[in-house]
PDB file of N, CA and C in Angstrom:
ATOM      1  N   MET A   1      17.655 -20.329   2.915  1.00  0.00           N
ATOM      2  CA  MET A   1      16.300 -20.128   3.401  1.00  0.00           C
ATOM      3  C   MET A   1      15.870 -21.391   4.146  1.00  0.00           C
ATOM      4  N   ASP A   2      15.296 -21.211   5.307  1.00  0.00           N
ATOM      5  CA  ASP A   2      14.791 -22.335   6.086  1.00  0.00           C
ATOM      6  C   ASP A   2      13.320 -22.542   5.747  1.00  0.00           C
ATOM      7  N   PHE A   3      13.027 -23.683   5.152  1.00  0.00           N
ATOM      8  CA  PHE A   3      11.661 -23.977   4.754  1.00  0.00           C
ATOM      9  C   PHE A   3      10.912 -24.657   5.883  1.00  0.00           C
ATOM     10  N   LYS A   4       9.645 -24.282   6.029  1.00  0.00           N
ATOM     11  CA  LYS A   4       8.790 -24.862   7.061  1.00  0.00           C
ATOM     12  C   LYS A   4       8.048 -26.061   6.475  1.00  0.00           C
ATOM     13  N   PRO A   5       7.860 -27.102   7.277  1.00  0.00           N
ATOM     14  CA  PRO A   5       7.226 -28.319   6.756  1.00  0.00           C
ATOM     15  C   PRO A   5       5.715 -28.207   6.553  1.00  0.00           C
ATOM     16  N   ASP A   6       5.090 -27.160   7.105  1.00  0.00           N
ATOM     17  CA  ASP A   6       3.629 -27.065   7.048  1.00  0.00           C
ATOM     18  C   ASP A   6       3.096 -26.326   5.815  1.00  0.00           C
ATOM     19  N   LYS A   7       3.970 -25.937   4.897  1.00  0.00           N
ATOM     20  CA  LYS A   7       3.551 -25.185   3.719  1.00  0.00           C
ATOM     21  C   LYS A   7       4.398 -25.625   2.533  1.00  0.00           C
ATOM     22  N   PRO A   8       3.789 -25.821   1.359  1.00  0.00           N
ATOM     23  CA  PRO A   8       4.579 -26.232   0.196  1.00  0.00           C
ATOM     24  C   PRO A   8       5.737 -25.270  -0.075  1.00  0.00           C
ATOM     25  N   ILE A   9       6.859 -25.827  -0.505  1.00  0.00           N
ATOM     26  CA  ILE A   9       8.062 -25.015  -0.729  1.00  0.00           C
ATOM     27  C   ILE A   9       7.811 -23.946  -1.784  1.00  0.00           C
ATOM     28  N   TYR A  10       7.088 -24.274  -2.856  1.00  0.00           N
ATOM     29  CA  TYR A  10       6.864 -23.267  -3.894  1.00  0.00           C
ATOM     30  C   TYR A  10       6.105 -22.066  -3.344  1.00  0.00           C
ATOM     31  N   GLN A  11       5.182 -22.300  -2.400  1.00  0.00           N
ATOM     32  CA  GLN A  11       4.461 -21.179  -1.799  1.00  0.00           C
ATOM     33  C   GLN A  11       5.374 -20.349  -0.908  1.00  0.00           C
ATOM     34  N   GLN A  12       6.308 -20.993  -0.232  1.00  0.00           N
ATOM     35  CA  GLN A  12       7.263 -20.260   0.588  1.00  0.00           C
ATOM     36  C   GLN A  12       8.200 -19.434  -0.290  1.00  0.00           C
ATOM     37  N   ILE A  13       8.533 -19.955  -1.468  1.00  0.00           N
ATOM     38  CA  ILE A  13       9.349 -19.195  -2.412  1.00  0.00           C
ATOM     39  C   ILE A  13       8.547 -18.011  -2.941  1.00  0.00           C
ATOM     40  N   ALA A  14       7.271 -18.227  -3.241  1.00  0.00           N
ATOM     41  CA  ALA A  14       6.413 -17.126  -3.681  1.00  0.00           C
ATOM     42  C   ALA A  14       6.338 -16.062  -2.581  1.00  0.00           C
ATOM     43  N   ASP A  15       6.207 -16.479  -1.330  1.00  0.00           N
ATOM     44  CA  ASP A  15       6.185 -15.533  -0.209  1.00  0.00           C
ATOM     45  C   ASP A  15       7.500 -14.757  -0.119  1.00  0.00           C
ATOM     46  N   PHE A  16       8.611 -15.437  -0.352  1.00  0.00           N
ATOM     47  CA  PHE A  16       9.923 -14.788  -0.382  1.00  0.00           C
ATOM     48  C   PHE A  16       9.920 -13.682  -1.441  1.00  0.00           C
ATOM     49  N   CYS A  17       9.397 -13.989  -2.604  1.00  0.00           N
ATOM     50  CA  CYS A  17       9.321 -13.002  -3.685  1.00  0.00           C
ATOM     51  C   CYS A  17       8.406 -11.841  -3.295  1.00  0.00           C
ATOM     52  N   LEU A  18       7.265 -12.165  -2.718  1.00  0.00           N
ATOM     53  CA  LEU A  18       6.328 -11.119  -2.293  1.00  0.00           C
ATOM     54  C   LEU A  18       6.960 -10.214  -1.240  1.00  0.00           C
ATOM     55  N   ASN A  19       7.722 -10.795  -0.328  1.00  0.00           N
ATOM     56  CA  ASN A  19       8.416  -9.994   0.689  1.00  0.00           C
ATOM     57  C   ASN A  19       9.439  -9.058   0.054  1.00  0.00           C
ATOM     58  N   ASN A  20      10.136  -9.535  -0.980  1.00  0.00           N
ATOM     59  CA  ASN A  20      11.104  -8.681  -1.682  1.00  0.00           C
ATOM     60  C   ASN A  20      10.407  -7.517  -2.370  1.00  0.00           C
ATOM     61  N   ILE A  21       9.199  -7.745  -2.839  1.00  0.00           N
ATOM     62  CA  ILE A  21       8.431  -6.675  -3.481  1.00  0.00           C
ATOM     63  C   ILE A  21       7.967  -5.667  -2.431  1.00  0.00           C
ATOM     64  N   LEU A  22       7.371  -6.161  -1.348  1.00  0.00           N
ATOM     65  CA  LEU A  22       6.859  -5.263  -0.312  1.00  0.00           C
ATOM     66  C   LEU A  22       7.964  -4.468   0.373  1.00  0.00           C
ATOM     67  N   SER A  23       9.141  -5.077   0.530  1.00  0.00           N
ATOM     68  CA  SER A  23      10.246  -4.388   1.201  1.00  0.00           C
ATOM     69  C   SER A  23      10.926  -3.363   0.294  1.00  0.00           C
ATOM     70  N   GLY A  24      10.611  -3.420  -1.007  1.00  0.00           N
ATOM     71  CA  GLY A  24      11.235  -2.496  -1.950  1.00  0.00           C
ATOM     72  C   GLY A  24      12.530  -3.009  -2.539  1.00  0.00           C
ATOM     73  N   LYS A  25      12.937  -4.215  -2.154  1.00  0.00           N
ATOM     74  CA  LYS A  25      14.159  -4.793  -2.718  1.00  0.00           C
ATOM     75  C   LYS A  25      14.001  -5.016  -4.217  1.00  0.00           C
ATOM     76  N   TRP A  26      12.805  -5.429  -4.633  1.00  0.00           N
ATOM     77  CA  TRP A  26      12.476  -5.565  -6.052  1.00  0.00           C
ATOM     78  C   TRP A  26      11.493  -4.460  -6.392  1.00  0.00           C
ATOM     79  N   GLN A  27      11.830  -3.654  -7.359  1.00  0.00           N
ATOM     80  CA  GLN A  27      11.017  -2.485  -7.716  1.00  0.00           C
ATOM     81  C   GLN A  27      10.063  -2.784  -8.874  1.00  0.00           C
ATOM     82  N   PRO A  28       8.880  -2.154  -8.862  1.00  0.00           N
ATOM     83  CA  PRO A  28       7.931  -2.336  -9.965  1.00  0.00           C
ATOM     84  C   PRO A  28       8.586  -2.050 -11.315  1.00  0.00           C
ATOM     85  N   GLY A  29       8.272  -2.902 -12.286  1.00  0.00           N
ATOM     86  CA  GLY A  29       8.785  -2.729 -13.632  1.00  0.00           C
ATOM     87  C   GLY A  29      10.156  -3.313 -13.881  1.00  0.00           C
ATOM     88  N   GLU A  30      10.877  -3.689 -12.822  1.00  0.00           N
ATOM     89  CA  GLU A  30      12.231  -4.196 -13.031  1.00  0.00           C
ATOM     90  C   GLU A  30      12.258  -5.714 -13.174  1.00  0.00           C
ATOM     91  N   LYS A  31      13.362  -6.200 -13.735  1.00  0.00           N
ATOM     92  CA  LYS A  31      13.573  -7.635 -13.921  1.00  0.00           C
ATOM     93  C   LYS A  31      13.871  -8.264 -12.568  1.00  0.00           C
ATOM     94  N   ILE A  32      13.268  -9.417 -12.325  1.00  0.00           N
ATOM     95  CA  ILE A  32      13.567 -10.145 -11.096  1.00  0.00           C
ATOM     96  C   ILE A  32      14.653 -11.176 -11.399  1.00  0.00           C
ATOM     97  N   PRO A  33      15.283 -11.732 -10.365  1.00  0.00           N
ATOM     98  CA  PRO A  33      16.307 -12.756 -10.617  1.00  0.00           C
ATOM     99  C   PRO A  33      15.734 -13.916 -11.427  1.00  0.00           C
ATOM    100  N   SER A  34      16.601 -14.542 -12.209  1.00  0.00           N
ATOM    101  CA  SER A  34      16.176 -15.652 -13.059  1.00  0.00           C
ATOM    102  C   SER A  34      15.829 -16.876 -12.216  1.00  0.00           C
ATOM    103  N   VAL A  35      15.179 -17.832 -12.848  1.00  0.00           N
ATOM    104  CA  VAL A  35      14.852 -19.093 -12.182  1.00  0.00           C
ATOM    105  C   VAL A  35      16.117 -19.748 -11.651  1.00  0.00           C
ATOM    106  N   ARG A  36      17.161 -19.755 -12.450  1.00  0.00           N
ATOM    107  CA  ARG A  36      18.420 -20.374 -12.017  1.00  0.00           C
ATOM    108  C   ARG A  36      19.057 -19.611 -10.856  1.00  0.00           C
ATOM    109  N   GLU A  37      19.012 -18.286 -10.918  1.00  0.00           N
ATOM    110  CA  GLU A  37      19.579 -17.485  -9.824  1.00  0.00           C
ATOM    111  C   GLU A  37      18.825 -17.738  -8.524  1.00  0.00           C
ATOM    112  N   LEU A  38      17.509 -17.720  -8.588  1.00  0.00           N
ATOM    113  CA  LEU A  38      16.709 -17.966  -7.384  1.00  0.00           C
ATOM    114  C   LEU A  38      16.923 -19.387  -6.878  1.00  0.00           C
ATOM    115  N   SER A  39      17.010 -20.331  -7.800  1.00  0.00           N
ATOM    116  CA  SER A  39      17.234 -21.725  -7.431  1.00  0.00           C
ATOM    117  C   SER A  39      18.558 -21.877  -6.669  1.00  0.00           C
ATOM    118  N   ALA A  40      19.599 -21.253  -7.170  1.00  0.00           N
ATOM    119  CA  ALA A  40      20.904 -21.317  -6.507  1.00  0.00           C
ATOM    120  C   ALA A  40      20.875 -20.587  -5.169  1.00  0.00           C
ATOM    121  N   GLN A  41      20.261 -19.400  -5.151  1.00  0.00           N
ATOM    122  CA  GLN A  41      20.204 -18.598  -3.928  1.00  0.00           C
ATOM    123  C   GLN A  41      19.446 -19.319  -2.817  1.00  0.00           C
ATOM    124  N   LEU A  42      18.345 -19.998  -3.171  1.00  0.00           N
ATOM    125  CA  LEU A  42      17.496 -20.647  -2.176  1.00  0.00           C
ATOM    126  C   LEU A  42      17.813 -22.132  -1.998  1.00  0.00           C
ATOM    127  N   ALA A  43      18.731 -22.646  -2.811  1.00  0.00           N
ATOM    128  CA  ALA A  43      19.142 -24.061  -2.756  1.00  0.00           C
ATOM    129  C   ALA A  43      17.961 -25.007  -2.953  1.00  0.00           C
ATOM    130  N   VAL A  44      17.199 -24.760  -4.016  1.00  0.00           N
ATOM    131  CA  VAL A  44      16.060 -25.611  -4.358  1.00  0.00           C
ATOM    132  C   VAL A  44      16.104 -25.943  -5.846  1.00  0.00           C
ATOM    133  N   ASN A  45      15.302 -26.899  -6.233  1.00  0.00           N
ATOM    134  CA  ASN A  45      15.196 -27.331  -7.620  1.00  0.00           C
ATOM    135  C   ASN A  45      14.613 -26.216  -8.475  1.00  0.00           C
ATOM    136  N   THR A  46      15.094 -26.087  -9.707  1.00  0.00           N
ATOM    137  CA  THR A  46      14.588 -25.038 -10.606  1.00  0.00           C
ATOM    138  C   THR A  46      13.097 -25.208 -10.892  1.00  0.00           C
ATOM    139  N   HIS A  47      12.607 -26.441 -10.909  1.00  0.00           N
ATOM    140  CA  HIS A  47      11.179 -26.669 -11.164  1.00  0.00           C
ATOM    141  C   HIS A  47      10.312 -26.092 -10.039  1.00  0.00           C
ATOM    142  N   THR A  48      10.827 -26.156  -8.831  1.00  0.00           N
ATOM    143  CA  THR A  48      10.096 -25.600  -7.687  1.00  0.00           C
ATOM    144  C   THR A  48      10.031 -24.081  -7.792  1.00  0.00           C
ATOM    145  N   VAL A  49      11.123 -23.453  -8.175  1.00  0.00           N
ATOM    146  CA  VAL A  49      11.148 -21.998  -8.369  1.00  0.00           C
ATOM    147  C   VAL A  49      10.205 -21.622  -9.510  1.00  0.00           C
ATOM    148  N   LEU A  50      10.243 -22.373 -10.579  1.00  0.00           N
ATOM    149  CA  LEU A  50       9.369 -22.090 -11.718  1.00  0.00           C
ATOM    150  C   LEU A  50       7.904 -22.167 -11.322  1.00  0.00           C
ATOM    151  N   LYS A  51       7.557 -23.134 -10.488  1.00  0.00           N
ATOM    152  CA  LYS A  51       6.176 -23.252 -10.011  1.00  0.00           C
ATOM    153  C   LYS A  51       5.775 -22.015  -9.207  1.00  0.00           C
ATOM    154  N   ALA A  52       6.681 -21.517  -8.380  1.00  0.00           N
ATOM    155  CA  ALA A  52       6.408 -20.306  -7.598  1.00  0.00           C
ATOM    156  C   ALA A  52       6.214 -19.109  -8.529  1.00  0.00           C
ATOM    157  N   LEU A  53       7.058 -18.990  -9.538  1.00  0.00           N
ATOM    158  CA  LEU A  53       6.950 -17.870 -10.467  1.00  0.00           C
ATOM    159  C   LEU A  53       5.692 -17.982 -11.330  1.00  0.00           C
ATOM    160  N   GLU A  54       5.280 -19.196 -11.658  1.00  0.00           N
ATOM    161  CA  GLU A  54       4.030 -19.380 -12.398  1.00  0.00           C
ATOM    162  C   GLU A  54       2.848 -18.920 -11.554  1.00  0.00           C
ATOM    163  N   TYR A  55       2.913 -19.188 -10.251  1.00  0.00           N
ATOM    164  CA  TYR A  55       1.878 -18.719  -9.324  1.00  0.00           C
ATOM    165  C   TYR A  55       1.806 -17.190  -9.338  1.00  0.00           C
ATOM    166  N   LEU A  56       2.968 -16.541  -9.276  1.00  0.00           N
ATOM    167  CA  LEU A  56       3.014 -15.074  -9.304  1.00  0.00           C
ATOM    168  C   LEU A  56       2.568 -14.524 -10.653  1.00  0.00           C
ATOM    169  N   GLN A  57       2.863 -15.257 -11.709  1.00  0.00           N
ATOM    170  CA  GLN A  57       2.437 -14.836 -13.044  1.00  0.00           C
ATOM    171  C   GLN A  57       0.917 -14.929 -13.164  1.00  0.00           C
ATOM    172  N   GLN A  58       0.324 -15.997 -12.649  1.00  0.00           N
ATOM    173  CA  GLN A  58      -1.129 -16.142 -12.684  1.00  0.00           C
ATOM    174  C   GLN A  58      -1.815 -15.032 -11.900  1.00  0.00           C
ATOM    175  N   ALA A  59      -1.155 -14.543 -10.870  1.00  0.00           N
ATOM    176  CA  ALA A  59      -1.698 -13.446 -10.070  1.00  0.00           C
ATOM    177  C   ALA A  59      -1.408 -12.088 -10.698  1.00  0.00           C
ATOM    178  N   ALA A  60      -0.762 -12.088 -11.872  1.00  0.00           N
ATOM    179  CA  ALA A  60      -0.414 -10.871 -12.616  1.00  0.00           C
ATOM    180  C   ALA A  60       0.540  -9.958 -11.853  1.00  0.00           C
ATOM    181  N   ILE A  61       1.337 -10.532 -10.958  1.00  0.00           N
ATOM    182  CA  ILE A  61       2.332  -9.764 -10.213  1.00  0.00           C
ATOM    183  C   ILE A  61       3.621  -9.663 -11.016  1.00  0.00           C
ATOM    184  N   ILE A  62       3.915 -10.718 -11.782  1.00  0.00           N
ATOM    185  CA  ILE A  62       5.060 -10.707 -12.685  1.00  0.00           C
ATOM    186  C   ILE A  62       4.574 -11.098 -14.075  1.00  0.00           C
ATOM    187  N   ALA A  63       5.378 -10.755 -15.063  1.00  0.00           N
ATOM    188  CA  ALA A  63       5.065 -11.129 -16.443  1.00  0.00           C
ATOM    189  C   ALA A  63       6.370 -11.470 -17.155  1.00  0.00           C
ATOM    190  N   PRO A  64       6.321 -12.485 -18.020  1.00  0.00           N
ATOM    191  CA  PRO A  64       7.538 -12.833 -18.758  1.00  0.00           C
ATOM    192  C   PRO A  64       7.721 -11.917 -19.960  1.00  0.00           C
ATOM    193  N   LYS A  65       8.971 -11.642 -20.275  1.00  0.00           N
ATOM    194  CA  LYS A  65       9.310 -10.961 -21.519  1.00  0.00           C
ATOM    195  C   LYS A  65      10.161 -11.953 -22.292  1.00  0.00           C
ATOM    196  N   ARG A  66       9.705 -12.311 -23.439  1.00  0.00           N
ATOM    197  CA  ARG A  66      10.330 -13.376 -24.221  1.00  0.00           C
ATOM    198  C   ARG A  66      11.847 -13.192 -24.319  1.00  0.00           C
ATOM    199  N   GLY A  67      12.551 -14.217 -23.875  1.00  0.00           N
ATOM    200  CA  GLY A  67      14.007 -14.227 -23.954  1.00  0.00           C
ATOM    201  C   GLY A  67      14.704 -13.323 -22.950  1.00  0.00           C
ATOM    202  N   MET A  68      13.937 -12.663 -22.085  1.00  0.00           N
ATOM    203  CA  MET A  68      14.542 -11.707 -21.157  1.00  0.00           C
ATOM    204  C   MET A  68      14.280 -12.037 -19.691  1.00  0.00           C
ATOM    205  N   GLY A  69      13.337 -12.913 -19.401  1.00  0.00           N
ATOM    206  CA  GLY A  69      13.037 -13.265 -18.023  1.00  0.00           C
ATOM    207  C   GLY A  69      11.723 -12.684 -17.550  1.00  0.00           C
ATOM    208  N   PHE A  70      11.562 -12.648 -16.238  1.00  0.00           N
ATOM    209  CA  PHE A  70      10.330 -12.153 -15.622  1.00  0.00           C
ATOM    210  C   PHE A  70      10.534 -10.733 -15.100  1.00  0.00           C
ATOM    211  N   TYR A  71       9.498  -9.923 -15.269  1.00  0.00           N
ATOM    212  CA  TYR A  71       9.516  -8.541 -14.808  1.00  0.00           C
ATOM    213  C   TYR A  71       8.313  -8.300 -13.902  1.00  0.00           C
ATOM    214  N   LEU A  72       8.524  -7.424 -12.909  1.00  0.00           N
ATOM    215  CA  LEU A  72       7.426  -7.058 -12.022  1.00  0.00           C
ATOM    216  C   LEU A  72       6.438  -6.157 -12.754  1.00  0.00           C
ATOM    217  N   ALA A  73       5.176  -6.345 -12.431  1.00  0.00           N
ATOM    218  CA  ALA A  73       4.145  -5.450 -12.949  1.00  0.00           C
ATOM    219  C   ALA A  73       4.362  -4.061 -12.354  1.00  0.00           C
ATOM    220  N   ASP A  74       3.923  -3.045 -13.066  1.00  0.00           N
ATOM    221  CA  ASP A  74       4.085  -1.674 -12.581  1.00  0.00           C
ATOM    222  C   ASP A  74       3.356  -1.441 -11.263  1.00  0.00           C
ATOM    223  N   ASP A  75       2.258  -2.165 -11.062  1.00  0.00           N
ATOM    224  CA  ASP A  75       1.489  -2.017  -9.817  1.00  0.00           C
ATOM    225  C   ASP A  75       1.702  -3.206  -8.877  1.00  0.00           C
ATOM    226  N   ALA A  76       2.865  -3.843  -8.988  1.00  0.00           N
ATOM    227  CA  ALA A  76       3.152  -5.062  -8.213  1.00  0.00           C
ATOM    228  C   ALA A  76       3.011  -4.840  -6.710  1.00  0.00           C
ATOM    229  N   ARG A  77       3.546  -3.749  -6.195  1.00  0.00           N
ATOM    230  CA  ARG A  77       3.498  -3.514  -4.750  1.00  0.00           C
ATOM    231  C   ARG A  77       2.057  -3.412  -4.253  1.00  0.00           C
ATOM    232  N   GLU A  78       1.222  -2.701  -4.985  1.00  0.00           N
ATOM    233  CA  GLU A  78      -0.182  -2.563  -4.592  1.00  0.00           C
ATOM    234  C   GLU A  78      -0.902  -3.911  -4.673  1.00  0.00           C
ATOM    235  N   MET A  79      -0.598  -4.680  -5.714  1.00  0.00           N
ATOM    236  CA  MET A  79      -1.219  -5.994  -5.872  1.00  0.00           C
ATOM    237  C   MET A  79      -0.814  -6.937  -4.746  1.00  0.00           C
ATOM    238  N   VAL A  80       0.460  -6.911  -4.389  1.00  0.00           N
ATOM    239  CA  VAL A  80       0.949  -7.765  -3.309  1.00  0.00           C
ATOM    240  C   VAL A  80       0.317  -7.341  -1.989  1.00  0.00           C
ATOM    241  N   ASN A  81       0.227  -6.048  -1.770  1.00  0.00           N
ATOM    242  CA  ASN A  81      -0.385  -5.549  -0.542  1.00  0.00           C
ATOM    243  C   ASN A  81      -1.837  -6.018  -0.443  1.00  0.00           C
ATOM    244  N   ARG A  82      -2.593  -5.906  -1.529  1.00  0.00           N
ATOM    245  CA  ARG A  82      -3.985  -6.376  -1.544  1.00  0.00           C
ATOM    246  C   ARG A  82      -4.041  -7.879  -1.287  1.00  0.00           C
ATOM    247  N   HIS A  83      -3.151  -8.613  -1.939  1.00  0.00           N
ATOM    248  CA  HIS A  83      -3.108 -10.068  -1.780  1.00  0.00           C
ATOM    249  C   HIS A  83      -2.817 -10.447  -0.334  1.00  0.00           C
ATOM    250  N   ARG A  84      -1.810  -9.812   0.252  1.00  0.00           N
ATOM    251  CA  ARG A  84      -1.426 -10.135   1.633  1.00  0.00           C
ATOM    252  C   ARG A  84      -2.522  -9.751   2.626  1.00  0.00           C
ATOM    253  N   ARG A  85      -3.169  -8.612   2.395  1.00  0.00           N
ATOM    254  CA  ARG A  85      -4.261  -8.204   3.283  1.00  0.00           C
ATOM    255  C   ARG A  85      -5.395  -9.229   3.230  1.00  0.00           C
ATOM    256  N   GLN A  86      -5.741  -9.659   2.016  1.00  0.00           N
ATOM    257  CA  GLN A  86      -6.808 -10.642   1.871  1.00  0.00           C
ATOM    258  C   GLN A  86      -6.415 -11.958   2.529  1.00  0.00           C
ATOM    259  N   GLN A  87      -5.156 -12.345   2.360  1.00  0.00           N
ATOM    260  CA  GLN A  87      -4.644 -13.559   2.995  1.00  0.00           C
ATOM    261  C   GLN A  87      -4.737 -13.443   4.518  1.00  0.00           C
ATOM    262  N   PHE A  88      -4.420 -12.271   5.041  1.00  0.00           N
ATOM    263  CA  PHE A  88      -4.524 -12.057   6.484  1.00  0.00           C
ATOM    264  C   PHE A  88      -5.957 -12.255   6.956  1.00  0.00           C
ATOM    265  N   PHE A  89      -6.906 -11.629   6.261  1.00  0.00           N
ATOM    266  CA  PHE A  89      -8.305 -11.720   6.674  1.00  0.00           C
ATOM    267  C   PHE A  89      -8.896 -13.113   6.462  1.00  0.00           C
ATOM    268  N   ASP A  90      -8.417 -13.831   5.445  1.00  0.00           N
ATOM    269  CA  ASP A  90      -8.947 -15.169   5.149  1.00  0.00           C
ATOM    270  C   ASP A  90      -8.302 -16.270   5.978  1.00  0.00           C
ATOM    271  N   GLU A  91      -7.012 -16.124   6.317  1.00  0.00           N
ATOM    272  CA  GLU A  91      -6.288 -17.213   6.963  1.00  0.00           C
ATOM    273  C   GLU A  91      -5.837 -16.882   8.382  1.00  0.00           C
ATOM    274  N   THR A  92      -5.165 -15.771   8.552  1.00  0.00           N
ATOM    275  CA  THR A  92      -4.584 -15.437   9.851  1.00  0.00           C
ATOM    276  C   THR A  92      -5.647 -15.039  10.869  1.00  0.00           C
ATOM    277  N   LEU A  93      -6.552 -14.165  10.458  1.00  0.00           N
ATOM    278  CA  LEU A  93      -7.556 -13.667  11.401  1.00  0.00           C
ATOM    279  C   LEU A  93      -8.450 -14.775  11.958  1.00  0.00           C
ATOM    280  N   PRO A  94      -8.972 -15.677  11.136  1.00  0.00           N
ATOM    281  CA  PRO A  94      -9.793 -16.756  11.719  1.00  0.00           C
ATOM    282  C   PRO A  94      -9.022 -17.614  12.724  1.00  0.00           C
ATOM    283  N   THR A  95      -7.743 -17.859  12.454  1.00  0.00           N
ATOM    284  CA  THR A  95      -6.919 -18.618  13.392  1.00  0.00           C
ATOM    285  C   THR A  95      -6.740 -17.838  14.688  1.00  0.00           C
ATOM    286  N   LEU A  96      -6.495 -16.537  14.563  1.00  0.00           N
ATOM    287  CA  LEU A  96      -6.338 -15.681  15.733  1.00  0.00           C
ATOM    288  C   LEU A  96      -7.618 -15.655  16.568  1.00  0.00           C
ATOM    289  N   VAL A  97      -8.757 -15.492  15.922  1.00  0.00           N
ATOM    290  CA  VAL A  97     -10.039 -15.440  16.634  1.00  0.00           C
ATOM    291  C   VAL A  97     -10.301 -16.759  17.345  1.00  0.00           C
ATOM    292  N   SER A  98     -10.012 -17.856  16.688  1.00  0.00           N
ATOM    293  CA  SER A  98     -10.197 -19.168  17.306  1.00  0.00           C
ATOM    294  C   SER A  98      -9.326 -19.311  18.551  1.00  0.00           C
ATOM    295  N   GLU A  99      -8.076 -18.898  18.451  1.00  0.00           N
ATOM    296  CA  GLU A  99      -7.160 -18.970  19.596  1.00  0.00           C
ATOM    297  C   GLU A  99      -7.625 -18.034  20.714  1.00  0.00           C
ATOM    298  N   MET A 100      -8.124 -16.872  20.359  1.00  0.00           N
ATOM    299  CA  MET A 100      -8.637 -15.939  21.372  1.00  0.00           C
ATOM    300  C   MET A 100      -9.802 -16.558  22.137  1.00  0.00           C
ATOM    301  N   LYS A 101     -10.679 -17.230  21.418  1.00  0.00           N
ATOM    302  CA  LYS A 101     -11.835 -17.868  22.075  1.00  0.00           C
ATOM    303  C   LYS A 101     -11.366 -18.939  23.044  1.00  0.00           C
ATOM    304  N   ILE A 102     -10.406 -19.736  22.616  1.00  0.00           N
ATOM    305  CA  ILE A 102      -9.893 -20.812  23.472  1.00  0.00           C
ATOM    306  C   ILE A 102      -9.264 -20.239  24.737  1.00  0.00           C
ATOM    307  N   LEU A 103      -8.531 -19.132  24.584  1.00  0.00           N
ATOM    308  CA  LEU A 103      -7.821 -18.537  25.722  1.00  0.00           C
ATOM    309  C   LEU A 103      -8.655 -17.527  26.502  1.00  0.00           C
ATOM    310  N   GLY A 104      -9.842 -17.226  26.014  1.00  0.00           N
ATOM    311  CA  GLY A 104     -10.698 -16.269  26.711  1.00  0.00           C
ATOM    312  C   GLY A 104     -10.210 -14.835  26.607  1.00  0.00           C
ATOM    313  N   ILE A 105      -9.574 -14.503  25.509  1.00  0.00           N
ATOM    314  CA  ILE A 105      -9.085 -13.144  25.285  1.00  0.00           C
ATOM    315  C   ILE A 105     -10.188 -12.335  24.622  1.00  0.00           C
ATOM    316  N   THR A 106     -10.501 -11.200  25.215  1.00  0.00           N
ATOM    317  CA  THR A 106     -11.557 -10.342  24.661  1.00  0.00           C
ATOM    318  C   THR A 106     -10.978  -9.423  23.587  1.00  0.00           C
ATOM    319  N   PRO A 107     -11.832  -8.917  22.688  1.00  0.00           N
ATOM    320  CA  PRO A 107     -11.358  -7.956  21.694  1.00  0.00           C
ATOM    321  C   PRO A 107     -10.711  -6.722  22.330  1.00  0.00           C
ATOM    322  N   ASP A 108     -11.271  -6.246  23.446  1.00  0.00           N
ATOM    323  CA  ASP A 108     -10.701  -5.077  24.121  1.00  0.00           C
ATOM    324  C   ASP A 108      -9.298  -5.379  24.655  1.00  0.00           C
ATOM    325  N   GLU A 109      -9.118  -6.579  25.205  1.00  0.00           N
ATOM    326  CA  GLU A 109      -7.811  -6.975  25.716  1.00  0.00           C
ATOM    327  C   GLU A 109      -6.799  -7.073  24.572  1.00  0.00           C
ATOM    328  N   LEU A 110      -7.225  -7.647  23.457  1.00  0.00           N
ATOM    329  CA  LEU A 110      -6.351  -7.746  22.291  1.00  0.00           C
ATOM    330  C   LEU A 110      -5.971  -6.359  21.795  1.00  0.00           C
ATOM    331  N   LEU A 111      -6.947  -5.477  21.696  1.00  0.00           N
ATOM    332  CA  LEU A 111      -6.687  -4.117  21.212  1.00  0.00           C
ATOM    333  C   LEU A 111      -5.697  -3.397  22.115  1.00  0.00           C
ATOM    334  N   SER A 112      -5.826  -3.573  23.403  1.00  0.00           N
ATOM    335  CA  SER A 112      -4.895  -2.953  24.347  1.00  0.00           C
ATOM    336  C   SER A 112      -3.468  -3.446  24.101  1.00  0.00           C
ATOM    337  N   HIS A 113      -3.321  -4.740  23.905  1.00  0.00           N
ATOM    338  CA  HIS A 113      -1.986  -5.299  23.656  1.00  0.00           C
ATOM    339  C   HIS A 113      -1.460  -4.908  22.284  1.00  0.00           C
ATOM    340  N   LEU A 114      -2.335  -4.803  21.307  1.00  0.00           N
ATOM    341  CA  LEU A 114      -1.918  -4.370  19.987  1.00  0.00           C
ATOM    342  C   LEU A 114      -1.374  -2.941  20.029  1.00  0.00           C
ATOM    343  N   LYS A 115      -2.071  -2.082  20.734  1.00  0.00           N
ATOM    344  CA  LYS A 115      -1.617  -0.693  20.849  1.00  0.00           C
ATOM    345  C   LYS A 115      -0.240  -0.616  21.486  1.00  0.00           C
ATOM    346  N   GLN A 116      -0.002  -1.424  22.529  1.00  0.00           N
ATOM    347  CA  GLN A 116       1.307  -1.438  23.178  1.00  0.00           C
ATOM    348  C   GLN A 116       2.384  -1.975  22.236  1.00  0.00           C
ATOM    349  N   ALA A 117       2.052  -3.019  21.524  1.00  0.00           N
ATOM    350  CA  ALA A 117       3.024  -3.656  20.620  1.00  0.00           C
ATOM    351  C   ALA A 117       3.400  -2.765  19.436  1.00  0.00           C
ATOM    352  N   MET A 118       2.505  -1.892  19.057  1.00  0.00           N
ATOM    353  CA  MET A 118       2.753  -1.056  17.866  1.00  0.00           C
ATOM    354  C   MET A 118       3.441   0.261  18.200  1.00  0.00           C
ATOM    355  N   LEU A 119       3.733   0.486  19.466  1.00  0.00           N
ATOM    356  CA  LEU A 119       4.437   1.714  19.856  1.00  0.00           C
ATOM    357  C   LEU A 119       5.891   1.661  19.492  1.00  0.00           C
TER     358      LEU A 119
END
């Protein structure tokens, strides 16, 4: 995994996990890879992976089962979708609007390009 310098690594690992949930690679209710497995797969320190999983646990997306590892919540996909949508509206959209203002892009012009891009 190529980590970007503008975001903490644990958050990028959490995003990796969220992407696996949204893509269906990790299914609700199933066990996710262990801290050691993720650490080896992503070539990062186990403490960094644990921090990412603690973040997901605090968000109630995963839960530990004593002696068995972490499991996805039954509604994990819906929770991740809500989380990502909120993140989009809180972080991505304000940046996009700011850039549009700088470049003089109107909402109608953006909508036209969005429609073309989504075909």
